[in-house]
Amino acid sequence: MTTITPAPVARTGDDTPAANVWGYVWRMSGMRQCALAALALLVTALNLAPIELQRRLIDDAITPKDPELLWRLGLIYAGVIAAHQLAKFLLQATQGWLTESAAAYTRRHLLGLYAKGSAGRDAPPGEAVSILGAEVEKLAGFVGTGPSGALTDVSLLIGVAAYMLWVDPIAAALGLALVAPQALFAPLMQQRLNRLMARQLTLAREFGSEVAETCVQGETALAAPRRLIRSLYRNRIAIELWKAAMKAGLNLLNAAAPLGLLAVGGFLVIAGETTVGVLVAFLSGLQRMADPIRDLIGFYRRAAQAQVQHDMIARWM
């Protein structure tokens, strides 16, 4: 059993909900988000360092056959990897602590309001179970991982792009042009997915309420839950198909980017316009850009869902 206590939350003096999900995030975490931001930037810096180390290993140590420099750069590389994993562990541990602290506080607060009868007065009993369980869990999860995760991804994308432009502007322009379609494709697909997810949340609430009603009325009230089961199934299938199509499209674009860079960059190496080390570093940079792009797409989805959940919980209050 862990003895880590939840993060304290400053009281506002009233029971009104925050104006939006970002107000809720700040109310639950406050200045601790600044500590998360500092850790996120440290993780980004340590994630960027190996790109330059790879280039120097190939161009400055392996190609000139300098074993002393090879060992020195190799040891630095190993140290950077270890430091990156340590910083990443601290970031994820702090994110998890803030998430669970926000969930515990929100559940205590909502349960107290519900017990006094000032929250959920006109709502069926099943809604309270859904809200205090899964909905609070998802909303609180955004407190820990939302802002700091997005900062990590954005800073990594900016850092990789800046590094590539600094080393070789021509090859950088090619690499960024190959990555750009992913940034355009994802939001178009995500808008439809957001609508489907919002509908799934509404249907799940309705289903919980109807199940609670069935427990009271018996078999005479089975028609509505059965109808909602079919609706939940159809909507979930639509979500899974849309997510699969989105993932396949992004994977295709993600695989095409290194291929294009290898093809054009290979000609630049043959022509003496760039080096093998630069090409390898840029391929590594493109790989590092792929994950943040996917994560930012996920952040956009989670932020939209968190806003919907926050608004629905606020109305319930």
C-alpha atoms as a PDB file:
ATOM      1  CA  MET A   1       0.000   0.000   0.000  1.00  0.00           C
ATOM      2  CA  THR A   2       1.337   3.433  -0.937  1.00  0.00           C
ATOM      3  CA  THR A   3       1.550   6.257   1.607  1.00  0.00           C
ATOM      4  CA  ILE A   4       1.590   9.079  -0.961  1.00  0.00           C
ATOM      5  CA  THR A   5      -1.105  11.585  -0.004  1.00  0.00           C
ATOM      6  CA  PRO A   6      -3.280  13.370  -2.596  1.00  0.00           C
ATOM      7  CA  ALA A   7      -2.283  16.840  -3.740  1.00  0.00           C
ATOM      8  CA  PRO A   8      -4.189  19.507  -1.765  1.00  0.00           C
ATOM      9  CA  VAL A   9      -6.795  21.526  -3.665  1.00  0.00           C
ATOM     10  CA  ALA A  10      -7.446  25.126  -2.648  1.00  0.00           C
ATOM     11  CA  ARG A  11     -11.089  25.755  -1.764  1.00  0.00           C
ATOM     12  CA  THR A  12     -12.940  28.502  -3.613  1.00  0.00           C
ATOM     13  CA  GLY A  13     -15.573  29.142  -0.941  1.00  0.00           C
ATOM     14  CA  ASP A  14     -18.535  27.996  -3.045  1.00  0.00           C
ATOM     15  CA  ASP A  15     -19.763  24.847  -4.770  1.00  0.00           C
ATOM     16  CA  THR A  16     -20.092  26.235  -8.298  1.00  0.00           C
ATOM     17  CA  PRO A  17     -18.243  24.342 -11.048  1.00  0.00           C
ATOM     18  CA  ALA A  18     -15.362  25.844 -13.014  1.00  0.00           C
ATOM     19  CA  ALA A  19     -16.339  27.793 -16.128  1.00  0.00           C
ATOM     20  CA  ASN A  20     -14.703  25.254 -18.464  1.00  0.00           C
ATOM     21  CA  VAL A  21     -12.370  22.279 -18.453  1.00  0.00           C
ATOM     22  CA  TRP A  22      -9.268  24.506 -18.372  1.00  0.00           C
ATOM     23  CA  GLY A  23     -10.570  26.262 -15.275  1.00  0.00           C
ATOM     24  CA  TYR A  24     -11.125  22.837 -13.729  1.00  0.00           C
ATOM     25  CA  VAL A  25      -7.553  21.792 -14.582  1.00  0.00           C
ATOM     26  CA  TRP A  26      -6.135  24.898 -12.909  1.00  0.00           C
ATOM     27  CA  ARG A  27      -8.398  24.525  -9.862  1.00  0.00           C
ATOM     28  CA  MET A  28      -7.286  20.923  -9.374  1.00  0.00           C
ATOM     29  CA  SER A  29      -3.550  21.415  -9.960  1.00  0.00           C
ATOM     30  CA  GLY A  30      -2.644  25.129  -9.882  1.00  0.00           C
ATOM     31  CA  MET A  31       1.079  25.892  -9.924  1.00  0.00           C
ATOM     32  CA  ARG A  32       1.894  22.182 -10.023  1.00  0.00           C
ATOM     33  CA  GLN A  33       1.231  22.438 -13.757  1.00  0.00           C
ATOM     34  CA  CYS A  34       4.335  24.663 -13.943  1.00  0.00           C
ATOM     35  CA  ALA A  35       6.425  21.867 -12.410  1.00  0.00           C
ATOM     36  CA  LEU A  36       4.964  19.468 -14.963  1.00  0.00           C
ATOM     37  CA  ALA A  37       5.787  21.944 -17.741  1.00  0.00           C
ATOM     38  CA  ALA A  38       9.425  22.130 -16.591  1.00  0.00           C
ATOM     39  CA  LEU A  39       9.664  18.329 -16.548  1.00  0.00           C
ATOM     40  CA  ALA A  40       8.027  18.161 -19.989  1.00  0.00           C
ATOM     41  CA  LEU A  41      10.608  20.560 -21.462  1.00  0.00           C
ATOM     42  CA  LEU A  42      13.443  18.571 -19.859  1.00  0.00           C
ATOM     43  CA  VAL A  43      12.085  15.359 -21.413  1.00  0.00           C
ATOM     44  CA  THR A  44      11.954  17.102 -24.800  1.00  0.00           C
ATOM     45  CA  ALA A  45      15.542  18.368 -24.567  1.00  0.00           C
ATOM     46  CA  LEU A  46      16.837  14.914 -23.634  1.00  0.00           C
ATOM     47  CA  ASN A  47      14.806  13.379 -26.474  1.00  0.00           C
ATOM     48  CA  LEU A  48      16.331  15.777 -29.015  1.00  0.00           C
ATOM     49  CA  ALA A  49      19.974  15.288 -27.992  1.00  0.00           C
ATOM     50  CA  PRO A  50      20.397  11.801 -29.569  1.00  0.00           C
ATOM     51  CA  ILE A  51      19.567  13.186 -33.032  1.00  0.00           C
ATOM     52  CA  GLU A  52      22.708  15.352 -33.050  1.00  0.00           C
ATOM     53  CA  LEU A  53      24.724  12.603 -31.351  1.00  0.00           C
ATOM     54  CA  GLN A  54      23.796  10.175 -34.147  1.00  0.00           C
ATOM     55  CA  ARG A  55      24.986  12.646 -36.764  1.00  0.00           C
ATOM     56  CA  ARG A  56      28.284  13.243 -34.957  1.00  0.00           C
ATOM     57  CA  LEU A  57      28.848   9.515 -34.407  1.00  0.00           C
ATOM     58  CA  ILE A  58      28.596   8.848 -38.146  1.00  0.00           C
ATOM     59  CA  ASP A  59      30.221  11.968 -39.612  1.00  0.00           C
ATOM     60  CA  ASP A  60      32.844  12.757 -36.945  1.00  0.00           C
ATOM     61  CA  ALA A  61      33.725   9.337 -35.486  1.00  0.00           C
ATOM     62  CA  ILE A  62      32.776   6.396 -37.722  1.00  0.00           C
ATOM     63  CA  THR A  63      33.533   7.886 -41.159  1.00  0.00           C
ATOM     64  CA  PRO A  64      36.961   9.332 -40.108  1.00  0.00           C
ATOM     65  CA  LYS A  65      37.630   6.102 -38.120  1.00  0.00           C
ATOM     66  CA  ASP A  66      38.220   7.850 -34.793  1.00  0.00           C
ATOM     67  CA  PRO A  67      37.762   5.181 -32.049  1.00  0.00           C
ATOM     68  CA  GLU A  68      38.460   7.566 -29.162  1.00  0.00           C
ATOM     69  CA  LEU A  69      35.719   9.970 -30.244  1.00  0.00           C
ATOM     70  CA  LEU A  70      33.435   7.007 -30.946  1.00  0.00           C
ATOM     71  CA  TRP A  71      33.771   5.764 -27.358  1.00  0.00           C
ATOM     72  CA  ARG A  72      33.324   9.256 -25.932  1.00  0.00           C
ATOM     73  CA  LEU A  73      30.205   9.993 -27.962  1.00  0.00           C
ATOM     74  CA  GLY A  74      28.853   6.506 -27.229  1.00  0.00           C
ATOM     75  CA  LEU A  75      29.164   7.063 -23.467  1.00  0.00           C
ATOM     76  CA  ILE A  76      27.492  10.468 -23.760  1.00  0.00           C
ATOM     77  CA  TYR A  77      24.694   8.856 -25.807  1.00  0.00           C
ATOM     78  CA  ALA A  78      24.159   6.194 -23.117  1.00  0.00           C
ATOM     79  CA  GLY A  79      24.071   8.851 -20.391  1.00  0.00           C
ATOM     80  CA  VAL A  80      21.520  10.914 -22.305  1.00  0.00           C
ATOM     81  CA  ILE A  81      19.290   7.854 -22.782  1.00  0.00           C
ATOM     82  CA  ALA A  82      19.421   7.050 -19.045  1.00  0.00           C
ATOM     83  CA  ALA A  83      18.683  10.669 -18.095  1.00  0.00           C
ATOM     84  CA  HIS A  84      15.785  10.782 -20.583  1.00  0.00           C
ATOM     85  CA  GLN A  85      14.171   7.682 -19.100  1.00  0.00           C
ATOM     86  CA  LEU A  86      14.580   9.036 -15.551  1.00  0.00           C
ATOM     87  CA  ALA A  87      13.009  12.382 -16.488  1.00  0.00           C
ATOM     88  CA  LYS A  88      10.205  10.572 -18.311  1.00  0.00           C
ATOM     89  CA  PHE A  89       9.532   8.423 -15.233  1.00  0.00           C
ATOM     90  CA  LEU A  90       9.326  11.512 -13.007  1.00  0.00           C
ATOM     91  CA  LEU A  91       6.967  13.199 -15.475  1.00  0.00           C
ATOM     92  CA  GLN A  92       4.633  10.202 -15.725  1.00  0.00           C
ATOM     93  CA  ALA A  93       4.659   9.632 -11.951  1.00  0.00           C
ATOM     94  CA  THR A  94       3.742  13.268 -11.305  1.00  0.00           C
ATOM     95  CA  GLN A  95       1.031  13.153 -13.964  1.00  0.00           C
ATOM     96  CA  GLY A  96      -0.460  10.055 -12.346  1.00  0.00           C
ATOM     97  CA  TRP A  97      -0.351  11.654  -8.883  1.00  0.00           C
ATOM     98  CA  LEU A  98      -2.203  14.770 -10.092  1.00  0.00           C
ATOM     99  CA  THR A  99      -4.736  12.631 -11.964  1.00  0.00           C
ATOM    100  CA  GLU A 100      -5.623  10.510  -8.946  1.00  0.00           C
ATOM    101  CA  SER A 101      -5.599  13.543  -6.627  1.00  0.00           C
ATOM    102  CA  ALA A 102      -8.084  15.330  -8.895  1.00  0.00           C
ATOM    103  CA  ALA A 103     -10.271  12.214  -9.126  1.00  0.00           C
ATOM    104  CA  ALA A 104     -10.340  11.745  -5.334  1.00  0.00           C
ATOM    105  CA  TYR A 105     -11.180  15.400  -4.645  1.00  0.00           C
ATOM    106  CA  THR A 106     -13.852  15.585  -7.357  1.00  0.00           C
ATOM    107  CA  ARG A 107     -15.542  12.392  -6.156  1.00  0.00           C
ATOM    108  CA  ARG A 108     -15.574  13.580  -2.535  1.00  0.00           C
ATOM    109  CA  HIS A 109     -16.966  16.953  -3.573  1.00  0.00           C
ATOM    110  CA  LEU A 110     -19.680  15.569  -5.860  1.00  0.00           C
ATOM    111  CA  LEU A 111     -20.636  12.844  -3.386  1.00  0.00           C
ATOM    112  CA  GLY A 112     -21.074  15.474  -0.673  1.00  0.00           C
ATOM    113  CA  LEU A 113     -23.281  17.600  -2.933  1.00  0.00           C
ATOM    114  CA  TYR A 114     -25.321  14.547  -3.937  1.00  0.00           C
ATOM    115  CA  ALA A 115     -25.797  13.474  -0.313  1.00  0.00           C
ATOM    116  CA  LYS A 116     -27.075  16.973   0.572  1.00  0.00           C
ATOM    117  CA  GLY A 117     -29.469  16.866  -2.373  1.00  0.00           C
ATOM    118  CA  SER A 118     -27.974  19.928  -4.052  1.00  0.00           C
ATOM    119  CA  ALA A 119     -26.654  17.941  -7.044  1.00  0.00           C
ATOM    120  CA  GLY A 120     -28.491  15.528  -9.314  1.00  0.00           C
ATOM    121  CA  ARG A 121     -31.901  16.402  -7.864  1.00  0.00           C
ATOM    122  CA  ASP A 122     -33.813  15.736 -11.074  1.00  0.00           C
ATOM    123  CA  ALA A 123     -31.505  13.035 -12.455  1.00  0.00           C
ATOM    124  CA  PRO A 124     -32.106   9.267 -12.203  1.00  0.00           C
ATOM    125  CA  PRO A 125     -29.929   7.388  -9.656  1.00  0.00           C
ATOM    126  CA  GLY A 126     -28.016   5.644 -12.454  1.00  0.00           C
ATOM    127  CA  GLU A 127     -26.494   8.943 -13.574  1.00  0.00           C
ATOM    128  CA  ALA A 128     -24.781   9.493 -10.227  1.00  0.00           C
ATOM    129  CA  VAL A 129     -23.075   6.090 -10.480  1.00  0.00           C
ATOM    130  CA  SER A 130     -21.858   6.845 -14.011  1.00  0.00           C
ATOM    131  CA  ILE A 131     -20.632  10.344 -13.106  1.00  0.00           C
ATOM    132  CA  LEU A 132     -18.831   9.393  -9.882  1.00  0.00           C
ATOM    133  CA  GLY A 133     -17.215   6.424 -11.625  1.00  0.00           C
ATOM    134  CA  ALA A 134     -16.042   6.470 -15.228  1.00  0.00           C
ATOM    135  CA  GLU A 135     -16.805  10.112 -16.083  1.00  0.00           C
ATOM    136  CA  VAL A 136     -14.827  11.602 -13.193  1.00  0.00           C
ATOM    137  CA  GLU A 137     -11.971   9.184 -13.958  1.00  0.00           C
ATOM    138  CA  LYS A 138     -11.685  10.427 -17.540  1.00  0.00           C
ATOM    139  CA  LEU A 139     -12.070  14.091 -16.618  1.00  0.00           C
ATOM    140  CA  ALA A 140      -9.435  13.860 -13.879  1.00  0.00           C
ATOM    141  CA  GLY A 141      -7.096  12.069 -16.278  1.00  0.00           C
ATOM    142  CA  PHE A 142      -6.969  15.219 -18.374  1.00  0.00           C
ATOM    143  CA  VAL A 143      -5.678  17.192 -15.369  1.00  0.00           C
ATOM    144  CA  GLY A 144      -2.542  15.071 -15.146  1.00  0.00           C
ATOM    145  CA  THR A 145      -1.694  14.284 -18.746  1.00  0.00           C
ATOM    146  CA  GLY A 146      -3.476  16.917 -20.847  1.00  0.00           C
ATOM    147  CA  PRO A 147      -1.499  20.195 -20.715  1.00  0.00           C
ATOM    148  CA  SER A 148       1.928  18.708 -19.918  1.00  0.00           C
ATOM    149  CA  GLY A 149       1.567  15.985 -22.545  1.00  0.00           C
ATOM    150  CA  ALA A 150       0.638  18.524 -25.201  1.00  0.00           C
ATOM    151  CA  LEU A 151       3.579  20.746 -24.196  1.00  0.00           C
ATOM    152  CA  THR A 152       5.960  17.791 -24.541  1.00  0.00           C
ATOM    153  CA  ASP A 153       4.664  17.008 -28.026  1.00  0.00           C
ATOM    154  CA  VAL A 154       4.590  20.597 -29.295  1.00  0.00           C
ATOM    155  CA  SER A 155       8.065  21.401 -27.968  1.00  0.00           C
ATOM    156  CA  LEU A 156       9.447  18.203 -29.520  1.00  0.00           C
ATOM    157  CA  LEU A 157       7.958  19.034 -32.924  1.00  0.00           C
ATOM    158  CA  ILE A 158       9.339  22.582 -32.787  1.00  0.00           C
ATOM    159  CA  GLY A 159      12.725  21.336 -31.583  1.00  0.00           C
ATOM    160  CA  VAL A 160      13.079  18.717 -34.325  1.00  0.00           C
ATOM    161  CA  ALA A 161      11.991  21.172 -37.030  1.00  0.00           C
ATOM    162  CA  ALA A 162      14.400  23.857 -35.764  1.00  0.00           C
ATOM    163  CA  TYR A 163      17.273  21.368 -35.594  1.00  0.00           C
ATOM    164  CA  MET A 164      16.652  20.118 -39.122  1.00  0.00           C
ATOM    165  CA  LEU A 165      16.501  23.659 -40.501  1.00  0.00           C
ATOM    166  CA  TRP A 166      19.738  24.537 -38.683  1.00  0.00           C
ATOM    167  CA  VAL A 167      21.659  21.517 -40.013  1.00  0.00           C
ATOM    168  CA  ASP A 168      20.428  21.410 -43.628  1.00  0.00           C
ATOM    169  CA  PRO A 169      17.586  23.730 -44.735  1.00  0.00           C
ATOM    170  CA  ILE A 170      17.012  21.952 -48.079  1.00  0.00           C
ATOM    171  CA  ALA A 171      16.677  18.466 -46.608  1.00  0.00           C
ATOM    172  CA  ALA A 172      14.676  19.936 -43.717  1.00  0.00           C
ATOM    173  CA  ALA A 173      12.182  21.546 -46.087  1.00  0.00           C
ATOM    174  CA  LEU A 174      11.759  18.178 -47.816  1.00  0.00           C
ATOM    175  CA  GLY A 175      11.256  16.319 -44.531  1.00  0.00           C
ATOM    176  CA  LEU A 176       8.745  18.835 -43.175  1.00  0.00           C
ATOM    177  CA  ALA A 177       6.825  18.809 -46.463  1.00  0.00           C
ATOM    178  CA  LEU A 178       6.514  15.027 -46.173  1.00  0.00           C
ATOM    179  CA  VAL A 179       5.198  15.305 -42.588  1.00  0.00           C
ATOM    180  CA  ALA A 180       2.721  18.141 -43.295  1.00  0.00           C
ATOM    181  CA  PRO A 181      -0.045  15.922 -44.822  1.00  0.00           C
ATOM    182  CA  GLN A 182      -0.427  14.154 -41.470  1.00  0.00           C
ATOM    183  CA  ALA A 183      -1.170  17.468 -39.752  1.00  0.00           C
ATOM    184  CA  LEU A 184      -3.825  18.257 -42.369  1.00  0.00           C
ATOM    185  CA  PHE A 185      -5.396  14.787 -42.535  1.00  0.00           C
ATOM    186  CA  ALA A 186      -5.817  14.193 -38.801  1.00  0.00           C
ATOM    187  CA  PRO A 187      -8.093  17.122 -37.801  1.00  0.00           C
ATOM    188  CA  LEU A 188     -10.500  16.362 -40.643  1.00  0.00           C
ATOM    189  CA  MET A 189     -10.934  12.792 -39.417  1.00  0.00           C
ATOM    190  CA  GLN A 190     -10.965  13.794 -35.752  1.00  0.00           C
ATOM    191  CA  GLN A 191     -13.981  16.101 -36.029  1.00  0.00           C
ATOM    192  CA  ARG A 192     -16.269  13.231 -36.975  1.00  0.00           C
ATOM    193  CA  LEU A 193     -14.751  11.019 -34.268  1.00  0.00           C
ATOM    194  CA  ASN A 194     -15.395  13.699 -31.629  1.00  0.00           C
ATOM    195  CA  ARG A 195     -19.093  13.777 -32.511  1.00  0.00           C
ATOM    196  CA  LEU A 196     -19.327   9.991 -32.272  1.00  0.00           C
ATOM    197  CA  MET A 197     -17.576   9.976 -28.877  1.00  0.00           C
ATOM    198  CA  ALA A 198     -19.896  12.653 -27.508  1.00  0.00           C
ATOM    199  CA  ARG A 199     -22.907  10.607 -28.636  1.00  0.00           C
ATOM    200  CA  GLN A 200     -21.439   7.485 -26.982  1.00  0.00           C
ATOM    201  CA  LEU A 201     -21.157   9.325 -23.668  1.00  0.00           C
ATOM    202  CA  THR A 202     -24.764  10.515 -23.882  1.00  0.00           C
ATOM    203  CA  LEU A 203     -26.018   7.022 -24.754  1.00  0.00           C
ATOM    204  CA  ALA A 204     -24.031   5.474 -21.875  1.00  0.00           C
ATOM    205  CA  ARG A 205     -25.645   7.888 -19.423  1.00  0.00           C
ATOM    206  CA  GLU A 206     -29.104   7.156 -20.754  1.00  0.00           C
ATOM    207  CA  PHE A 207     -28.415   3.429 -20.534  1.00  0.00           C
ATOM    208  CA  GLY A 208     -27.330   3.696 -16.885  1.00  0.00           C
ATOM    209  CA  SER A 209     -30.506   5.604 -16.053  1.00  0.00           C
ATOM    210  CA  GLU A 210     -32.733   3.098 -17.848  1.00  0.00           C
ATOM    211  CA  VAL A 211     -31.046   0.140 -16.129  1.00  0.00           C
ATOM    212  CA  ALA A 212     -31.711   1.766 -12.744  1.00  0.00           C
ATOM    213  CA  GLU A 213     -35.342   2.260 -13.785  1.00  0.00           C
ATOM    214  CA  THR A 214     -35.584  -1.391 -14.842  1.00  0.00           C
ATOM    215  CA  CYS A 215     -34.436  -2.494 -11.385  1.00  0.00           C
ATOM    216  CA  VAL A 216     -37.469  -0.666  -9.980  1.00  0.00           C
ATOM    217  CA  GLN A 217     -40.152  -1.537 -12.552  1.00  0.00           C
ATOM    218  CA  GLY A 218     -38.978  -5.003 -13.594  1.00  0.00           C
ATOM    219  CA  GLU A 219     -39.483  -6.587 -17.031  1.00  0.00           C
ATOM    220  CA  THR A 220     -42.060  -3.998 -18.093  1.00  0.00           C
ATOM    221  CA  ALA A 221     -39.231  -1.453 -18.500  1.00  0.00           C
ATOM    222  CA  LEU A 222     -36.882  -3.629 -20.592  1.00  0.00           C
ATOM    223  CA  ALA A 223     -37.724  -2.087 -23.979  1.00  0.00           C
ATOM    224  CA  ALA A 224     -35.759   1.133 -23.491  1.00  0.00           C
ATOM    225  CA  PRO A 225     -32.506  -0.525 -22.255  1.00  0.00           C
ATOM    226  CA  ARG A 226     -32.621  -3.009 -25.131  1.00  0.00           C
ATOM    227  CA  ARG A 227     -33.041  -0.182 -27.628  1.00  0.00           C
ATOM    228  CA  LEU A 228     -30.101   1.666 -26.075  1.00  0.00           C
ATOM    229  CA  ILE A 229     -27.937  -1.476 -26.214  1.00  0.00           C
ATOM    230  CA  ARG A 230     -28.478  -1.558 -29.986  1.00  0.00           C
ATOM    231  CA  SER A 231     -27.701   2.154 -30.254  1.00  0.00           C
ATOM    232  CA  LEU A 232     -24.546   1.779 -28.155  1.00  0.00           C
ATOM    233  CA  TYR A 233     -23.422  -1.120 -30.340  1.00  0.00           C
ATOM    234  CA  ARG A 234     -23.988   0.712 -33.623  1.00  0.00           C
ATOM    235  CA  ASN A 235     -22.284   3.869 -32.395  1.00  0.00           C
ATOM    236  CA  ARG A 236     -19.312   1.942 -30.987  1.00  0.00           C
ATOM    237  CA  ILE A 237     -18.880   0.081 -34.294  1.00  0.00           C
ATOM    238  CA  ALA A 238     -18.888   3.429 -36.115  1.00  0.00           C
ATOM    239  CA  ILE A 239     -16.219   4.718 -33.694  1.00  0.00           C
ATOM    240  CA  GLU A 240     -14.011   1.660 -34.188  1.00  0.00           C
ATOM    241  CA  LEU A 241     -14.304   1.800 -37.994  1.00  0.00           C
ATOM    242  CA  TRP A 242     -13.525   5.520 -38.041  1.00  0.00           C
ATOM    243  CA  LYS A 243     -10.550   5.063 -35.704  1.00  0.00           C
ATOM    244  CA  ALA A 244      -9.234   2.193 -37.843  1.00  0.00           C
ATOM    245  CA  ALA A 245      -9.550   4.278 -41.027  1.00  0.00           C
ATOM    246  CA  MET A 246      -7.829   7.215 -39.357  1.00  0.00           C
ATOM    247  CA  LYS A 247      -4.998   5.029 -38.054  1.00  0.00           C
ATOM    248  CA  ALA A 248      -4.497   3.372 -41.447  1.00  0.00           C
ATOM    249  CA  GLY A 249      -4.347   6.733 -43.213  1.00  0.00           C
ATOM    250  CA  LEU A 250      -1.852   8.158 -40.716  1.00  0.00           C
ATOM    251  CA  ASN A 251       0.303   5.023 -40.869  1.00  0.00           C
ATOM    252  CA  LEU A 252       0.394   5.259 -44.668  1.00  0.00           C
ATOM    253  CA  LEU A 253       1.474   8.901 -44.553  1.00  0.00           C
ATOM    254  CA  ASN A 254       3.947   8.139 -41.776  1.00  0.00           C
ATOM    255  CA  ALA A 255       5.568   5.352 -43.807  1.00  0.00           C
ATOM    256  CA  ALA A 256       5.733   7.509 -46.943  1.00  0.00           C
ATOM    257  CA  ALA A 257       7.734  10.290 -45.241  1.00  0.00           C
ATOM    258  CA  PRO A 258      10.961   8.283 -44.561  1.00  0.00           C
ATOM    259  CA  LEU A 259      10.718   6.691 -48.013  1.00  0.00           C
ATOM    260  CA  GLY A 260      10.567  10.099 -49.676  1.00  0.00           C
ATOM    261  CA  LEU A 261      13.419  11.412 -47.543  1.00  0.00           C
ATOM    262  CA  LEU A 262      15.575   8.367 -48.348  1.00  0.00           C
ATOM    263  CA  ALA A 263      14.885   8.683 -52.065  1.00  0.00           C
ATOM    264  CA  VAL A 264      15.562  12.416 -52.414  1.00  0.00           C
ATOM    265  CA  GLY A 265      18.125  12.581 -49.600  1.00  0.00           C
ATOM    266  CA  GLY A 266      20.002   9.675 -51.165  1.00  0.00           C
ATOM    267  CA  PHE A 267      20.440  11.666 -54.366  1.00  0.00           C
ATOM    268  CA  LEU A 268      21.695  14.633 -52.312  1.00  0.00           C
ATOM    269  CA  VAL A 269      24.286  12.379 -50.619  1.00  0.00           C
ATOM    270  CA  ILE A 270      25.410  10.990 -53.995  1.00  0.00           C
ATOM    271  CA  ALA A 271      25.686  14.529 -55.370  1.00  0.00           C
ATOM    272  CA  GLY A 272      27.727  15.608 -52.350  1.00  0.00           C
ATOM    273  CA  GLU A 273      25.079  18.105 -51.202  1.00  0.00           C
ATOM    274  CA  THR A 274      24.714  16.489 -47.757  1.00  0.00           C
ATOM    275  CA  THR A 275      26.221  13.675 -45.659  1.00  0.00           C
ATOM    276  CA  VAL A 276      25.093  10.224 -44.583  1.00  0.00           C
ATOM    277  CA  GLY A 277      25.118  11.418 -40.972  1.00  0.00           C
ATOM    278  CA  VAL A 278      22.688  14.220 -41.774  1.00  0.00           C
ATOM    279  CA  LEU A 279      20.411  11.786 -43.625  1.00  0.00           C
ATOM    280  CA  VAL A 280      20.403   9.344 -40.687  1.00  0.00           C
ATOM    281  CA  ALA A 281      19.769  12.180 -38.218  1.00  0.00           C
ATOM    282  CA  PHE A 282      16.847  13.444 -40.303  1.00  0.00           C
ATOM    283  CA  LEU A 283      15.334   9.965 -40.534  1.00  0.00           C
ATOM    284  CA  SER A 284      15.583   9.757 -36.739  1.00  0.00           C
ATOM    285  CA  GLY A 285      14.002  13.212 -36.513  1.00  0.00           C
ATOM    286  CA  LEU A 286      11.069  12.172 -38.703  1.00  0.00           C
ATOM    287  CA  GLN A 287      10.504   9.124 -36.509  1.00  0.00           C
ATOM    288  CA  ARG A 288      10.498  11.358 -33.440  1.00  0.00           C
ATOM    289  CA  MET A 289       7.958  13.670 -35.091  1.00  0.00           C
ATOM    290  CA  ALA A 290       5.528  10.843 -35.878  1.00  0.00           C
ATOM    291  CA  ASP A 291       4.683  10.029 -32.249  1.00  0.00           C
ATOM    292  CA  PRO A 292       4.041  13.656 -31.166  1.00  0.00           C
ATOM    293  CA  ILE A 293       1.744  14.172 -34.149  1.00  0.00           C
ATOM    294  CA  ARG A 294      -0.291  11.111 -33.147  1.00  0.00           C
ATOM    295  CA  ASP A 295      -0.237  12.191 -29.499  1.00  0.00           C
ATOM    296  CA  LEU A 296      -1.430  15.705 -30.360  1.00  0.00           C
ATOM    297  CA  ILE A 297      -4.304  14.185 -32.306  1.00  0.00           C
ATOM    298  CA  GLY A 298      -5.124  12.164 -29.193  1.00  0.00           C
ATOM    299  CA  PHE A 299      -4.812  15.307 -27.064  1.00  0.00           C
ATOM    300  CA  TYR A 300      -7.275  17.130 -29.320  1.00  0.00           C
ATOM    301  CA  ARG A 301      -9.720  14.249 -28.890  1.00  0.00           C
ATOM    302  CA  ARG A 302      -9.235  14.024 -25.110  1.00  0.00           C
ATOM    303  CA  ALA A 303      -9.598  17.783 -24.684  1.00  0.00           C
ATOM    304  CA  ALA A 304     -12.879  17.770 -26.608  1.00  0.00           C
ATOM    305  CA  GLN A 305     -14.156  14.795 -24.610  1.00  0.00           C
ATOM    306  CA  ALA A 306     -13.034  16.351 -21.313  1.00  0.00           C
ATOM    307  CA  GLN A 307     -14.898  19.554 -22.165  1.00  0.00           C
ATOM    308  CA  VAL A 308     -18.065  17.576 -22.939  1.00  0.00           C
ATOM    309  CA  GLN A 309     -17.744  15.587 -19.708  1.00  0.00           C
ATOM    310  CA  HIS A 310     -17.032  18.714 -17.665  1.00  0.00           C
ATOM    311  CA  ASP A 311     -20.082  20.490 -19.079  1.00  0.00           C
ATOM    312  CA  MET A 312     -22.348  17.492 -18.443  1.00  0.00           C
ATOM    313  CA  ILE A 313     -21.098  17.098 -14.860  1.00  0.00           C
ATOM    314  CA  ALA A 314     -21.522  20.853 -14.304  1.00  0.00           C
ATOM    315  CA  ARG A 315     -25.153  20.637 -15.470  1.00  0.00           C
ATOM    316  CA  TRP A 316     -25.708  17.659 -13.157  1.00  0.00           C
ATOM    317  CA  MET A 317     -24.407  19.778 -10.245  1.00  0.00           C
END
